[in-house]
Structure formats: structure tokens, C-alpha cells
Amino acid sequence: MVAVDLAPASIQALQVLTIVVFAPLVSGVIAHLEARLQGRRGPRILQPYYDLGKLFRKETLVPTDASWVFVVGPILAFTCYLIVPLLIPVLTAYPLPLGYMGDILGGGFILGLASFSVAVAAAESGAPYAQLGSSRAMTFGALIEPSILFVTFTVALITTTDLPYFEAASARASLSQVVRPAHLLAVLAFFLVVLNDTSRIPVETHSGTLEFGMIDEARTLEHSGPLFALLKWGSAMKQLILYVLLVNVFAAPWGLAGTTALGAVLLAIALLLAKAFAVGAIFTVIDNSFSKLRLFKITEFMAAAFLLAILAVLVLYLGGG
């Protein structure tokens, strides 16, 4: 059998397509697992796809006093989620043509822009609950960003680079690099950050409808039709992107394609989904193992991530890192 080799540009497009196509599947598996843990039958695994199809067929309604920002916000956020997979090792261990376009911090800025776009669009609606969720998201986002910066700088100091592909390559080069105390602390801090950004912390419910606990859900209350579909789809894509950063850059950067062969790339897709399902299962168990806490406790949760990131830097410079 003759091996089929893919062009690097085709693989890069396939990375984006993998995030776009399989993000709802990961969300569906997690939602189904969560229901099983709660003793419910739960939705079908493919339910997110049906929901998106239904929303794209519906009409878009815009509040009377809303400006063009209300419409552009979800589109801009979705576009940001399409850009990030170009910069990170989704499927390959070797850098692709646009892999040098931005470092890990640049990818974080793009994700931050997406979150800001959604928050501004929600505030533009003028609805009280949407503005409440937008305000909360921006407030808590400002608290977690220092943790992200410290994690980024710590891993860059350990691996001597801030490019995602080379950070992953440095970790793959030696298992001792992965188990270094400073690296483990940084990974744990980023783990808490992902818990927060995917709304899996035991403080607010990601699917709740009670206004005293809504954050992410509140920001999308006033959107409908295709715009709402883009928000839901973008949220699933953001979740999968964060999982990719956690496993393919920081924690377990193995299973990536080392060649341009079609078989190696398809195997990398299968292994990526397996790792994403595993991470999602861990997060779901954590989310369902604790009672929901009061909203102000979220600051303590973020403080823990920040302290772990600082501790990683101290360990690195004081020895043992």
C-alpha cells in the first residue's frame, strides 16, 4: 500500500476542521456522562449537533436598542476560535506553516478577545441578566489572567521558549522535564484555569438558569437563531482548545503525528479525542463531586491557581525546579 502524504497547509486546515467538527461531540459526551453521574438518562451524545442545526434554521432577533456590536460580537468570537488552532499543536508534533505566527501568550490574547467580544455583545443588549453575566465574566476573568500569565512565563522559563510547538517538543524530549516540580505546579495551575474557563468549578453551574449563579449562560440569554448557534458552537470550540493546550502542550504532549502521512494524522485525531474525553470525564467528576459554593468563593478558587503559578516560579529559581 502506498502511503498518502498530506501537504502541511492541508494538515493545518485539518487542525482547524478537527476543532470545528469535533468540539460539539466532546460537549455531547461530557453532557451525557454528567447526566449518568447524576442518575439521569441525559441527552444524546450527538444532541449538540441537532441543537446547532435547529438554531441555524431559526430567525435572528435583535433587541430594539442594540447596535451592530450585538451582531458582530458572536461572529468575531467565533473567528477568534478559528484562529487559535493555527498556532497550537492540535495534530502534529512538528510546526506547521502558521505555527510561528504567534506564541502561547498571543493565543491567550486571541481567546481573551473572543471572551471580550461576547461580553460586549451581551452588555449591548441592555438586558439586566445579560449585563450581569457580562460584568461577572469580565471581573472574574481579570482575576484569573495573572495566573495564566504566570503559567505561561513559568513554562517558557523551563523550556526556554514560548512557542507552543517547541514547548510540547521540550516536554516530549524527556520525561524528567514533565515531572519537574516547577512544571507540575504550572500544569496544576493551568488545570485550575481550564476548570474556571470551562465553567466546571463547583461555584456556578454551566447550564443553570438561576440568576444568582449565572455567568456564561447569562451572556447568551438575549441572542437567538444563528448568532446563538455561533455562541454555543464557539463555547464548545473554546473548551476543546483549552483541552488541547492542557494535554498537547503542558501535561501529555504525546500521540501527535510525527510525519505528514494520512494514517499518522488520522491516528492523531483519534488520540486527541480520546485525551479530550478523558480530561472532560475528570472535570465532570470534579464538577459533580462538590456542592455548589457561594459566588464570592470563586475569588478564593482563582487565588489558589495564582498561588500555584507563583510557587512554580519560586521552585524554579530556588532549587528543585
C-alpha atoms as a PDB file:
ATOM      1  CA  MET A   1       0.000   0.000   0.000  1.00  0.00           C
ATOM      2  CA  VAL A   2       1.290   3.442  -0.939  1.00  0.00           C
ATOM      3  CA  ALA A   3       1.326   5.940   1.917  1.00  0.00           C
ATOM      4  CA  VAL A   4      -0.566   9.156   1.250  1.00  0.00           C
ATOM      5  CA  ASP A   5       1.254  12.277   2.375  1.00  0.00           C
ATOM      6  CA  LEU A   6      -0.613  15.489   3.096  1.00  0.00           C
ATOM      7  CA  ALA A   7       0.678  18.957   2.388  1.00  0.00           C
ATOM      8  CA  PRO A   8       1.487  20.987   5.540  1.00  0.00           C
ATOM      9  CA  ALA A   9      -1.131  23.576   4.567  1.00  0.00           C
ATOM     10  CA  SER A  10      -3.745  20.808   4.308  1.00  0.00           C
ATOM     11  CA  ILE A  11      -2.823  19.500   7.758  1.00  0.00           C
ATOM     12  CA  GLN A  12      -3.104  22.996   9.174  1.00  0.00           C
ATOM     13  CA  ALA A  13      -6.587  23.347   7.699  1.00  0.00           C
ATOM     14  CA  LEU A  14      -7.394  19.897   9.089  1.00  0.00           C
ATOM     15  CA  GLN A  15      -6.388  21.107  12.570  1.00  0.00           C
ATOM     16  CA  VAL A  16      -8.987  23.871  12.391  1.00  0.00           C
ATOM     17  CA  LEU A  17     -11.541  21.469  10.920  1.00  0.00           C
ATOM     18  CA  THR A  18     -10.903  18.997  13.751  1.00  0.00           C
ATOM     19  CA  ILE A  19     -11.714  21.636  16.362  1.00  0.00           C
ATOM     20  CA  VAL A  20     -14.775  22.852  14.453  1.00  0.00           C
ATOM     21  CA  VAL A  21     -16.254  19.414  13.745  1.00  0.00           C
ATOM     22  CA  PHE A  22     -15.494  17.528  16.945  1.00  0.00           C
ATOM     23  CA  ALA A  23     -15.997  20.267  19.561  1.00  0.00           C
ATOM     24  CA  PRO A  24     -19.783  19.620  19.777  1.00  0.00           C
ATOM     25  CA  LEU A  25     -19.085  15.882  20.053  1.00  0.00           C
ATOM     26  CA  VAL A  26     -16.819  16.420  23.080  1.00  0.00           C
ATOM     27  CA  SER A  27     -19.509  18.602  24.673  1.00  0.00           C
ATOM     28  CA  GLY A  28     -22.132  15.946  23.953  1.00  0.00           C
ATOM     29  CA  VAL A  29     -20.082  13.169  25.530  1.00  0.00           C
ATOM     30  CA  ILE A  30     -19.419  15.291  28.617  1.00  0.00           C
ATOM     31  CA  ALA A  31     -23.105  16.255  28.977  1.00  0.00           C
ATOM     32  CA  HIS A  32     -24.126  12.610  28.635  1.00  0.00           C
ATOM     33  CA  LEU A  33     -21.559  11.486  31.214  1.00  0.00           C
ATOM     34  CA  GLU A  34     -22.658  14.223  33.601  1.00  0.00           C
ATOM     35  CA  ALA A  35     -26.262  13.074  33.361  1.00  0.00           C
ATOM     36  CA  ARG A  36     -25.235   9.483  34.054  1.00  0.00           C
ATOM     37  CA  LEU A  37     -23.307  10.567  37.150  1.00  0.00           C
ATOM     38  CA  GLN A  38     -26.452  12.341  38.366  1.00  0.00           C
ATOM     39  CA  GLY A  39     -28.616   9.288  37.766  1.00  0.00           C
ATOM     40  CA  ARG A  40     -30.389  10.748  34.729  1.00  0.00           C
ATOM     41  CA  ARG A  41     -30.718   9.382  31.223  1.00  0.00           C
ATOM     42  CA  GLY A  42     -29.398  12.615  29.798  1.00  0.00           C
ATOM     43  CA  PRO A  43     -29.254  13.953  26.247  1.00  0.00           C
ATOM     44  CA  ARG A  44     -27.983  12.021  23.260  1.00  0.00           C
ATOM     45  CA  ILE A  45     -24.272  12.297  22.580  1.00  0.00           C
ATOM     46  CA  LEU A  46     -24.998  13.942  19.211  1.00  0.00           C
ATOM     47  CA  GLN A  47     -27.567  16.344  20.690  1.00  0.00           C
ATOM     48  CA  PRO A  48     -25.283  19.429  20.300  1.00  0.00           C
ATOM     49  CA  TYR A  49     -25.276  18.891  16.531  1.00  0.00           C
ATOM     50  CA  TYR A  50     -29.074  18.733  16.434  1.00  0.00           C
ATOM     51  CA  ASP A  51     -29.287  21.879  18.555  1.00  0.00           C
ATOM     52  CA  LEU A  52     -26.940  23.765  16.255  1.00  0.00           C
ATOM     53  CA  GLY A  53     -28.863  22.680  13.184  1.00  0.00           C
ATOM     54  CA  LYS A  54     -32.129  23.832  14.740  1.00  0.00           C
ATOM     55  CA  LEU A  55     -30.704  27.202  15.778  1.00  0.00           C
ATOM     56  CA  PHE A  56     -29.250  27.901  12.329  1.00  0.00           C
ATOM     57  CA  ARG A  57     -32.750  27.428  10.865  1.00  0.00           C
ATOM     58  CA  LYS A  58     -34.332  29.914  13.255  1.00  0.00           C
ATOM     59  CA  GLU A  59     -34.726  33.656  12.894  1.00  0.00           C
ATOM     60  CA  THR A  60     -32.279  36.106  14.456  1.00  0.00           C
ATOM     61  CA  LEU A  61     -33.932  38.641  16.750  1.00  0.00           C
ATOM     62  CA  VAL A  62     -32.066  41.796  17.772  1.00  0.00           C
ATOM     63  CA  PRO A  63     -33.114  43.999  20.737  1.00  0.00           C
ATOM     64  CA  THR A  64     -34.575  47.332  19.682  1.00  0.00           C
ATOM     65  CA  ASP A  65     -31.876  49.483  21.266  1.00  0.00           C
ATOM     66  CA  ALA A  66     -28.930  47.225  20.361  1.00  0.00           C
ATOM     67  CA  SER A  67     -26.325  48.390  17.845  1.00  0.00           C
ATOM     68  CA  TRP A  68     -24.238  46.471  15.319  1.00  0.00           C
ATOM     69  CA  VAL A  69     -21.992  45.302  18.178  1.00  0.00           C
ATOM     70  CA  PHE A  70     -24.708  42.861  19.258  1.00  0.00           C
ATOM     71  CA  VAL A  71     -24.474  41.120  15.875  1.00  0.00           C
ATOM     72  CA  VAL A  72     -20.725  41.381  15.279  1.00  0.00           C
ATOM     73  CA  GLY A  73     -19.710  40.138  18.772  1.00  0.00           C
ATOM     74  CA  PRO A  74     -20.603  36.428  18.271  1.00  0.00           C
ATOM     75  CA  ILE A  75     -19.118  36.439  14.760  1.00  0.00           C
ATOM     76  CA  LEU A  76     -15.836  37.946  15.977  1.00  0.00           C
ATOM     77  CA  ALA A  77     -15.640  35.475  18.874  1.00  0.00           C
ATOM     78  CA  PHE A  78     -16.203  32.524  16.525  1.00  0.00           C
ATOM     79  CA  THR A  79     -13.492  33.856  14.212  1.00  0.00           C
ATOM     80  CA  CYS A  80     -11.046  34.035  17.132  1.00  0.00           C
ATOM     81  CA  TYR A  81     -11.722  30.378  17.923  1.00  0.00           C
ATOM     82  CA  LEU A  82     -10.876  29.535  14.300  1.00  0.00           C
ATOM     83  CA  ILE A  83      -7.508  31.306  14.554  1.00  0.00           C
ATOM     84  CA  VAL A  84      -6.128  29.668  17.711  1.00  0.00           C
ATOM     85  CA  PRO A  85      -5.896  26.112  16.242  1.00  0.00           C
ATOM     86  CA  LEU A  86      -3.487  27.530  13.658  1.00  0.00           C
ATOM     87  CA  LEU A  87      -0.998  28.309  16.438  1.00  0.00           C
ATOM     88  CA  ILE A  88      -1.094  25.234  18.670  1.00  0.00           C
ATOM     89  CA  PRO A  89      -0.154  21.545  18.177  1.00  0.00           C
ATOM     90  CA  VAL A  90      -3.583  20.019  17.650  1.00  0.00           C
ATOM     91  CA  LEU A  91      -2.460  17.091  15.476  1.00  0.00           C
ATOM     92  CA  THR A  92       1.254  17.341  14.665  1.00  0.00           C
ATOM     93  CA  ALA A  93       4.453  17.289  16.663  1.00  0.00           C
ATOM     94  CA  TYR A  94       6.226  19.444  14.068  1.00  0.00           C
ATOM     95  CA  PRO A  95       5.428  23.129  13.455  1.00  0.00           C
ATOM     96  CA  LEU A  96       3.085  23.885  10.568  1.00  0.00           C
ATOM     97  CA  PRO A  97       3.497  26.956   8.294  1.00  0.00           C
ATOM     98  CA  LEU A  98       1.478  29.309  10.502  1.00  0.00           C
ATOM     99  CA  GLY A  99       2.673  27.784  13.771  1.00  0.00           C
ATOM    100  CA  TYR A 100       5.226  30.599  14.131  1.00  0.00           C
ATOM    101  CA  MET A 101       2.589  33.304  13.716  1.00  0.00           C
ATOM    102  CA  GLY A 102       2.047  33.659  17.476  1.00  0.00           C
ATOM    103  CA  ASP A 103       3.264  32.286  20.787  1.00  0.00           C
ATOM    104  CA  ILE A 104       1.250  30.851  23.650  1.00  0.00           C
ATOM    105  CA  LEU A 105       0.661  34.330  25.046  1.00  0.00           C
ATOM    106  CA  GLY A 106      -0.637  35.539  21.689  1.00  0.00           C
ATOM    107  CA  GLY A 107      -3.103  32.655  21.630  1.00  0.00           C
ATOM    108  CA  GLY A 108      -4.245  33.687  25.095  1.00  0.00           C
ATOM    109  CA  PHE A 109      -4.834  37.231  23.870  1.00  0.00           C
ATOM    110  CA  ILE A 110      -6.967  35.914  21.000  1.00  0.00           C
ATOM    111  CA  LEU A 111      -9.058  33.854  23.424  1.00  0.00           C
ATOM    112  CA  GLY A 112      -9.347  36.929  25.632  1.00  0.00           C
ATOM    113  CA  LEU A 113     -10.586  38.945  22.657  1.00  0.00           C
ATOM    114  CA  ALA A 114     -13.240  36.324  21.993  1.00  0.00           C
ATOM    115  CA  SER A 115     -14.464  36.484  25.592  1.00  0.00           C
ATOM    116  CA  PHE A 116     -14.450  40.284  25.480  1.00  0.00           C
ATOM    117  CA  SER A 117     -16.498  40.260  22.265  1.00  0.00           C
ATOM    118  CA  VAL A 118     -19.144  38.014  23.804  1.00  0.00           C
ATOM    119  CA  ALA A 119     -19.290  40.159  26.941  1.00  0.00           C
ATOM    120  CA  VAL A 120     -19.653  43.414  24.993  1.00  0.00           C
ATOM    121  CA  ALA A 121     -22.364  41.917  22.787  1.00  0.00           C
ATOM    122  CA  ALA A 122     -24.239  40.778  25.900  1.00  0.00           C
ATOM    123  CA  ALA A 123     -23.959  44.188  27.538  1.00  0.00           C
ATOM    124  CA  GLU A 124     -25.121  45.845  24.301  1.00  0.00           C
ATOM    125  CA  SER A 125     -28.462  44.025  24.560  1.00  0.00           C
ATOM    126  CA  GLY A 126     -29.425  46.137  27.584  1.00  0.00           C
ATOM    127  CA  ALA A 127     -30.993  43.140  29.335  1.00  0.00           C
ATOM    128  CA  PRO A 128     -30.260  43.038  33.087  1.00  0.00           C
ATOM    129  CA  TYR A 129     -29.316  39.349  33.284  1.00  0.00           C
ATOM    130  CA  ALA A 130     -27.089  39.546  30.202  1.00  0.00           C
ATOM    131  CA  GLN A 131     -25.315  42.581  31.624  1.00  0.00           C
ATOM    132  CA  LEU A 132     -24.982  40.809  34.973  1.00  0.00           C
ATOM    133  CA  GLY A 133     -23.323  37.789  33.359  1.00  0.00           C
ATOM    134  CA  SER A 134     -21.095  40.038  31.268  1.00  0.00           C
ATOM    135  CA  SER A 135     -19.949  42.003  34.311  1.00  0.00           C
ATOM    136  CA  ARG A 136     -19.238  38.857  36.295  1.00  0.00           C
ATOM    137  CA  ALA A 137     -17.330  37.234  33.439  1.00  0.00           C
ATOM    138  CA  MET A 138     -15.083  40.270  32.964  1.00  0.00           C
ATOM    139  CA  THR A 139     -14.493  40.676  36.704  1.00  0.00           C
ATOM    140  CA  PHE A 140     -13.518  37.056  37.273  1.00  0.00           C
ATOM    141  CA  GLY A 141     -11.577  36.987  34.007  1.00  0.00           C
ATOM    142  CA  ALA A 142      -9.409  39.841  35.250  1.00  0.00           C
ATOM    143  CA  LEU A 143      -8.660  37.796  38.364  1.00  0.00           C
ATOM    144  CA  ILE A 144      -7.628  34.656  36.507  1.00  0.00           C
ATOM    145  CA  GLU A 145      -5.470  36.350  33.844  1.00  0.00           C
ATOM    146  CA  PRO A 146      -2.459  36.805  36.219  1.00  0.00           C
ATOM    147  CA  SER A 147      -2.484  33.042  36.759  1.00  0.00           C
ATOM    148  CA  ILE A 148      -2.424  32.436  33.013  1.00  0.00           C
ATOM    149  CA  LEU A 149       0.499  34.833  32.631  1.00  0.00           C
ATOM    150  CA  PHE A 150       2.482  33.179  35.412  1.00  0.00           C
ATOM    151  CA  VAL A 151       1.847  29.708  33.985  1.00  0.00           C
ATOM    152  CA  THR A 152       2.942  30.897  30.558  1.00  0.00           C
ATOM    153  CA  PHE A 153       6.105  32.521  31.866  1.00  0.00           C
ATOM    154  CA  THR A 154       6.975  29.545  34.065  1.00  0.00           C
ATOM    155  CA  VAL A 155       6.699  27.018  31.241  1.00  0.00           C
ATOM    156  CA  ALA A 156       8.628  29.393  28.961  1.00  0.00           C
ATOM    157  CA  LEU A 157      11.416  29.626  31.538  1.00  0.00           C
ATOM    158  CA  ILE A 158      11.538  25.851  31.935  1.00  0.00           C
ATOM    159  CA  THR A 159      11.510  25.065  28.215  1.00  0.00           C
ATOM    160  CA  THR A 160      13.350  28.261  27.131  1.00  0.00           C
ATOM    161  CA  THR A 161      10.631  29.031  24.568  1.00  0.00           C
ATOM    162  CA  ASP A 162       7.096  30.366  24.459  1.00  0.00           C
ATOM    163  CA  LEU A 163       6.083  28.793  21.151  1.00  0.00           C
ATOM    164  CA  PRO A 164       3.521  26.016  21.788  1.00  0.00           C
ATOM    165  CA  TYR A 165       5.086  23.525  19.359  1.00  0.00           C
ATOM    166  CA  PHE A 166       8.533  23.840  20.936  1.00  0.00           C
ATOM    167  CA  GLU A 167       7.162  23.777  24.493  1.00  0.00           C
ATOM    168  CA  ALA A 168       5.489  20.467  23.666  1.00  0.00           C
ATOM    169  CA  ALA A 169       8.670  19.176  21.991  1.00  0.00           C
ATOM    170  CA  SER A 170      10.709  20.070  25.072  1.00  0.00           C
ATOM    171  CA  ALA A 171       8.331  18.091  27.273  1.00  0.00           C
ATOM    172  CA  ARG A 172       8.395  15.100  24.904  1.00  0.00           C
ATOM    173  CA  ALA A 173      12.187  15.093  24.785  1.00  0.00           C
ATOM    174  CA  SER A 174      12.492  13.828  28.349  1.00  0.00           C
ATOM    175  CA  LEU A 175      10.049  12.506  30.918  1.00  0.00           C
ATOM    176  CA  SER A 176      12.146  14.196  33.590  1.00  0.00           C
ATOM    177  CA  GLN A 177      11.164  17.509  32.017  1.00  0.00           C
ATOM    178  CA  VAL A 178       7.467  16.749  32.623  1.00  0.00           C
ATOM    179  CA  VAL A 179       7.870  15.632  36.237  1.00  0.00           C
ATOM    180  CA  ARG A 180       9.976  18.608  37.317  1.00  0.00           C
ATOM    181  CA  PRO A 181       8.298  20.179  40.379  1.00  0.00           C
ATOM    182  CA  ALA A 182       8.048  23.605  38.746  1.00  0.00           C
ATOM    183  CA  HIS A 183       6.447  22.137  35.642  1.00  0.00           C
ATOM    184  CA  LEU A 184       3.975  20.053  37.654  1.00  0.00           C
ATOM    185  CA  LEU A 185       2.929  23.094  39.669  1.00  0.00           C
ATOM    186  CA  ALA A 186       2.451  25.106  36.482  1.00  0.00           C
ATOM    187  CA  VAL A 187       0.376  22.306  34.949  1.00  0.00           C
ATOM    188  CA  LEU A 188      -1.792  22.125  38.083  1.00  0.00           C
ATOM    189  CA  ALA A 189      -2.313  25.891  37.983  1.00  0.00           C
ATOM    190  CA  PHE A 190      -3.332  25.699  34.320  1.00  0.00           C
ATOM    191  CA  PHE A 191      -5.627  22.780  35.192  1.00  0.00           C
ATOM    192  CA  LEU A 192      -7.468  25.066  37.613  1.00  0.00           C
ATOM    193  CA  VAL A 193      -7.574  27.797  34.975  1.00  0.00           C
ATOM    194  CA  VAL A 194      -9.218  25.413  32.499  1.00  0.00           C
ATOM    195  CA  LEU A 195     -11.699  24.365  35.180  1.00  0.00           C
ATOM    196  CA  ASN A 196     -12.641  28.002  35.549  1.00  0.00           C
ATOM    197  CA  ASP A 197     -12.792  28.840  31.841  1.00  0.00           C
ATOM    198  CA  THR A 198     -14.987  25.822  31.086  1.00  0.00           C
ATOM    199  CA  SER A 199     -17.347  26.666  33.985  1.00  0.00           C
ATOM    200  CA  ARG A 200     -16.639  23.406  35.775  1.00  0.00           C
ATOM    201  CA  ILE A 201     -15.646  24.855  39.117  1.00  0.00           C
ATOM    202  CA  PRO A 202     -18.087  23.991  41.926  1.00  0.00           C
ATOM    203  CA  VAL A 203     -19.324  27.579  42.211  1.00  0.00           C
ATOM    204  CA  GLU A 204     -21.661  28.284  39.308  1.00  0.00           C
ATOM    205  CA  THR A 205     -23.443  25.812  37.089  1.00  0.00           C
ATOM    206  CA  HIS A 206     -22.619  25.982  33.393  1.00  0.00           C
ATOM    207  CA  SER A 207     -26.188  25.091  32.440  1.00  0.00           C
ATOM    208  CA  GLY A 208     -28.103  26.792  35.220  1.00  0.00           C
ATOM    209  CA  THR A 209     -30.950  29.268  34.811  1.00  0.00           C
ATOM    210  CA  LEU A 210     -30.869  30.837  38.282  1.00  0.00           C
ATOM    211  CA  GLU A 211     -29.669  34.415  38.061  1.00  0.00           C
ATOM    212  CA  PHE A 212     -27.632  34.295  41.280  1.00  0.00           C
ATOM    213  CA  GLY A 213     -25.313  31.688  39.764  1.00  0.00           C
ATOM    214  CA  MET A 214     -25.301  32.503  36.052  1.00  0.00           C
ATOM    215  CA  ILE A 215     -22.138  33.703  34.369  1.00  0.00           C
ATOM    216  CA  ASP A 216     -21.598  32.199  30.932  1.00  0.00           C
ATOM    217  CA  GLU A 217     -25.236  31.265  30.357  1.00  0.00           C
ATOM    218  CA  ALA A 218     -26.378  34.785  31.197  1.00  0.00           C
ATOM    219  CA  ARG A 219     -24.261  36.323  28.430  1.00  0.00           C
ATOM    220  CA  THR A 220     -26.193  34.454  25.729  1.00  0.00           C
ATOM    221  CA  LEU A 221     -29.733  34.946  27.023  1.00  0.00           C
ATOM    222  CA  GLU A 222     -30.664  37.664  24.514  1.00  0.00           C
ATOM    223  CA  HIS A 223     -29.208  36.015  21.420  1.00  0.00           C
ATOM    224  CA  SER A 224     -31.198  33.780  19.124  1.00  0.00           C
ATOM    225  CA  GLY A 225     -31.009  31.939  15.837  1.00  0.00           C
ATOM    226  CA  PRO A 226     -27.656  31.711  14.024  1.00  0.00           C
ATOM    227  CA  LEU A 227     -25.969  34.162  16.419  1.00  0.00           C
ATOM    228  CA  PHE A 228     -26.894  31.970  19.382  1.00  0.00           C
ATOM    229  CA  ALA A 229     -25.666  28.939  17.413  1.00  0.00           C
ATOM    230  CA  LEU A 230     -22.288  30.633  16.880  1.00  0.00           C
ATOM    231  CA  LEU A 231     -22.047  31.358  20.614  1.00  0.00           C
ATOM    232  CA  LYS A 232     -22.823  27.753  21.583  1.00  0.00           C
ATOM    233  CA  TRP A 233     -20.525  26.363  18.915  1.00  0.00           C
ATOM    234  CA  GLY A 234     -17.771  28.790  19.894  1.00  0.00           C
ATOM    235  CA  SER A 235     -18.115  27.820  23.546  1.00  0.00           C
ATOM    236  CA  ALA A 236     -17.623  24.154  22.632  1.00  0.00           C
ATOM    237  CA  MET A 237     -14.624  25.062  20.472  1.00  0.00           C
ATOM    238  CA  LYS A 238     -13.067  27.075  23.292  1.00  0.00           C
ATOM    239  CA  GLN A 239     -13.462  24.098  25.621  1.00  0.00           C
ATOM    240  CA  LEU A 240     -11.713  21.745  23.188  1.00  0.00           C
ATOM    241  CA  ILE A 241      -8.950  24.308  22.511  1.00  0.00           C
ATOM    242  CA  LEU A 242      -8.244  24.574  26.243  1.00  0.00           C
ATOM    243  CA  TYR A 243      -8.159  20.779  26.485  1.00  0.00           C
ATOM    244  CA  VAL A 244      -5.644  20.703  23.615  1.00  0.00           C
ATOM    245  CA  LEU A 245      -3.437  23.241  25.366  1.00  0.00           C
ATOM    246  CA  LEU A 246      -3.611  21.256  28.606  1.00  0.00           C
ATOM    247  CA  VAL A 247      -2.767  17.836  27.156  1.00  0.00           C
ATOM    248  CA  ASN A 248      -0.788  18.585  23.973  1.00  0.00           C
ATOM    249  CA  VAL A 249       1.357  21.422  25.304  1.00  0.00           C
ATOM    250  CA  PHE A 250       1.636  21.102  29.083  1.00  0.00           C
ATOM    251  CA  ALA A 251       0.607  17.744  30.552  1.00  0.00           C
ATOM    252  CA  ALA A 252       0.790  14.934  27.966  1.00  0.00           C
ATOM    253  CA  PRO A 253       2.193  16.063  24.597  1.00  0.00           C
ATOM    254  CA  TRP A 254       2.333  12.543  23.152  1.00  0.00           C
ATOM    255  CA  GLY A 255       0.338  10.884  20.401  1.00  0.00           C
ATOM    256  CA  LEU A 256       0.865  13.691  17.870  1.00  0.00           C
ATOM    257  CA  ALA A 257       1.636  12.883  14.261  1.00  0.00           C
ATOM    258  CA  GLY A 258       5.369  12.886  13.562  1.00  0.00           C
ATOM    259  CA  THR A 259       5.022  12.688   9.771  1.00  0.00           C
ATOM    260  CA  THR A 260       2.732  14.044   7.077  1.00  0.00           C
ATOM    261  CA  ALA A 261       1.283  10.592   6.342  1.00  0.00           C
ATOM    262  CA  LEU A 262      -2.512  10.483   6.244  1.00  0.00           C
ATOM    263  CA  GLY A 263      -2.617   7.486   8.589  1.00  0.00           C
ATOM    264  CA  ALA A 264      -0.495   9.242  11.211  1.00  0.00           C
ATOM    265  CA  VAL A 265      -2.712  12.342  11.077  1.00  0.00           C
ATOM    266  CA  LEU A 266      -5.931  10.293  11.388  1.00  0.00           C
ATOM    267  CA  LEU A 267      -4.430   8.416  14.347  1.00  0.00           C
ATOM    268  CA  ALA A 268      -3.563  11.763  15.944  1.00  0.00           C
ATOM    269  CA  ILE A 269      -7.205  12.833  15.602  1.00  0.00           C
ATOM    270  CA  ALA A 270      -8.381   9.635  17.326  1.00  0.00           C
ATOM    271  CA  LEU A 271      -5.852  10.041  20.150  1.00  0.00           C
ATOM    272  CA  LEU A 272      -6.768  13.714  20.579  1.00  0.00           C
ATOM    273  CA  LEU A 273     -10.438  12.808  21.011  1.00  0.00           C
ATOM    274  CA  ALA A 274      -9.518  10.078  23.489  1.00  0.00           C
ATOM    275  CA  LYS A 275      -7.483  12.531  25.566  1.00  0.00           C
ATOM    276  CA  ALA A 276     -10.239  15.162  25.353  1.00  0.00           C
ATOM    277  CA  PHE A 277     -12.842  12.648  26.544  1.00  0.00           C
ATOM    278  CA  ALA A 278     -10.552  11.651  29.434  1.00  0.00           C
ATOM    279  CA  VAL A 279      -9.994  15.262  30.517  1.00  0.00           C
ATOM    280  CA  GLY A 280     -13.707  16.002  30.171  1.00  0.00           C
ATOM    281  CA  ALA A 281     -14.536  12.984  32.322  1.00  0.00           C
ATOM    282  CA  ILE A 282     -12.137  14.162  35.048  1.00  0.00           C
ATOM    283  CA  PHE A 283     -13.652  17.649  35.008  1.00  0.00           C
ATOM    284  CA  THR A 284     -17.181  16.228  35.112  1.00  0.00           C
ATOM    285  CA  VAL A 285     -16.375  14.077  38.139  1.00  0.00           C
ATOM    286  CA  ILE A 286     -14.871  17.097  39.913  1.00  0.00           C
ATOM    287  CA  ASP A 287     -17.862  19.252  38.993  1.00  0.00           C
ATOM    288  CA  ASN A 288     -20.338  16.705  40.353  1.00  0.00           C
ATOM    289  CA  SER A 289     -18.398  15.731  43.467  1.00  0.00           C
ATOM    290  CA  PHE A 290     -18.905  19.007  45.338  1.00  0.00           C
ATOM    291  CA  SER A 291     -21.897  21.066  46.321  1.00  0.00           C
ATOM    292  CA  LYS A 292     -22.122  24.449  44.643  1.00  0.00           C
ATOM    293  CA  LEU A 293     -20.455  27.165  46.690  1.00  0.00           C
ATOM    294  CA  ARG A 294     -21.380  30.798  47.063  1.00  0.00           C
ATOM    295  CA  LEU A 295     -20.445  33.049  44.197  1.00  0.00           C
ATOM    296  CA  PHE A 296     -17.831  35.078  46.098  1.00  0.00           C
ATOM    297  CA  LYS A 297     -15.880  31.857  46.728  1.00  0.00           C
ATOM    298  CA  ILE A 298     -14.764  31.954  43.113  1.00  0.00           C
ATOM    299  CA  THR A 299     -12.104  34.511  44.065  1.00  0.00           C
ATOM    300  CA  GLU A 300     -10.587  32.031  46.522  1.00  0.00           C
ATOM    301  CA  PHE A 301     -10.532  29.369  43.821  1.00  0.00           C
ATOM    302  CA  MET A 302      -8.692  31.709  41.457  1.00  0.00           C
ATOM    303  CA  ALA A 303      -6.318  32.758  44.227  1.00  0.00           C
ATOM    304  CA  ALA A 304      -5.316  29.104  44.594  1.00  0.00           C
ATOM    305  CA  ALA A 305      -4.428  28.902  40.884  1.00  0.00           C
ATOM    306  CA  PHE A 306      -2.456  32.140  41.137  1.00  0.00           C
ATOM    307  CA  LEU A 307      -0.505  30.949  44.191  1.00  0.00           C
ATOM    308  CA  LEU A 308       0.352  27.653  42.486  1.00  0.00           C
ATOM    309  CA  ALA A 309       1.698  29.566  39.489  1.00  0.00           C
ATOM    310  CA  ILE A 310       3.805  31.806  41.767  1.00  0.00           C
ATOM    311  CA  LEU A 311       5.036  28.754  43.673  1.00  0.00           C
ATOM    312  CA  ALA A 312       6.139  27.198  40.379  1.00  0.00           C
ATOM    313  CA  VAL A 313       8.324  30.240  39.670  1.00  0.00           C
ATOM    314  CA  LEU A 314       9.780  30.187  43.198  1.00  0.00           C
ATOM    315  CA  VAL A 315      10.571  26.473  42.979  1.00  0.00           C
ATOM    316  CA  LEU A 316      12.225  27.000  39.612  1.00  0.00           C
ATOM    317  CA  TYR A 317      14.563  29.713  40.926  1.00  0.00           C
ATOM    318  CA  LEU A 318      15.119  28.481  44.493  1.00  0.00           C
ATOM    319  CA  GLY A 319      16.120  24.977  43.507  1.00  0.00           C
ATOM    320  CA  GLY A 320      14.416  21.691  42.864  1.00  0.00           C
ATOM    321  CA  GLY A 321      12.606  23.042  39.809  1.00  0.00           C
END
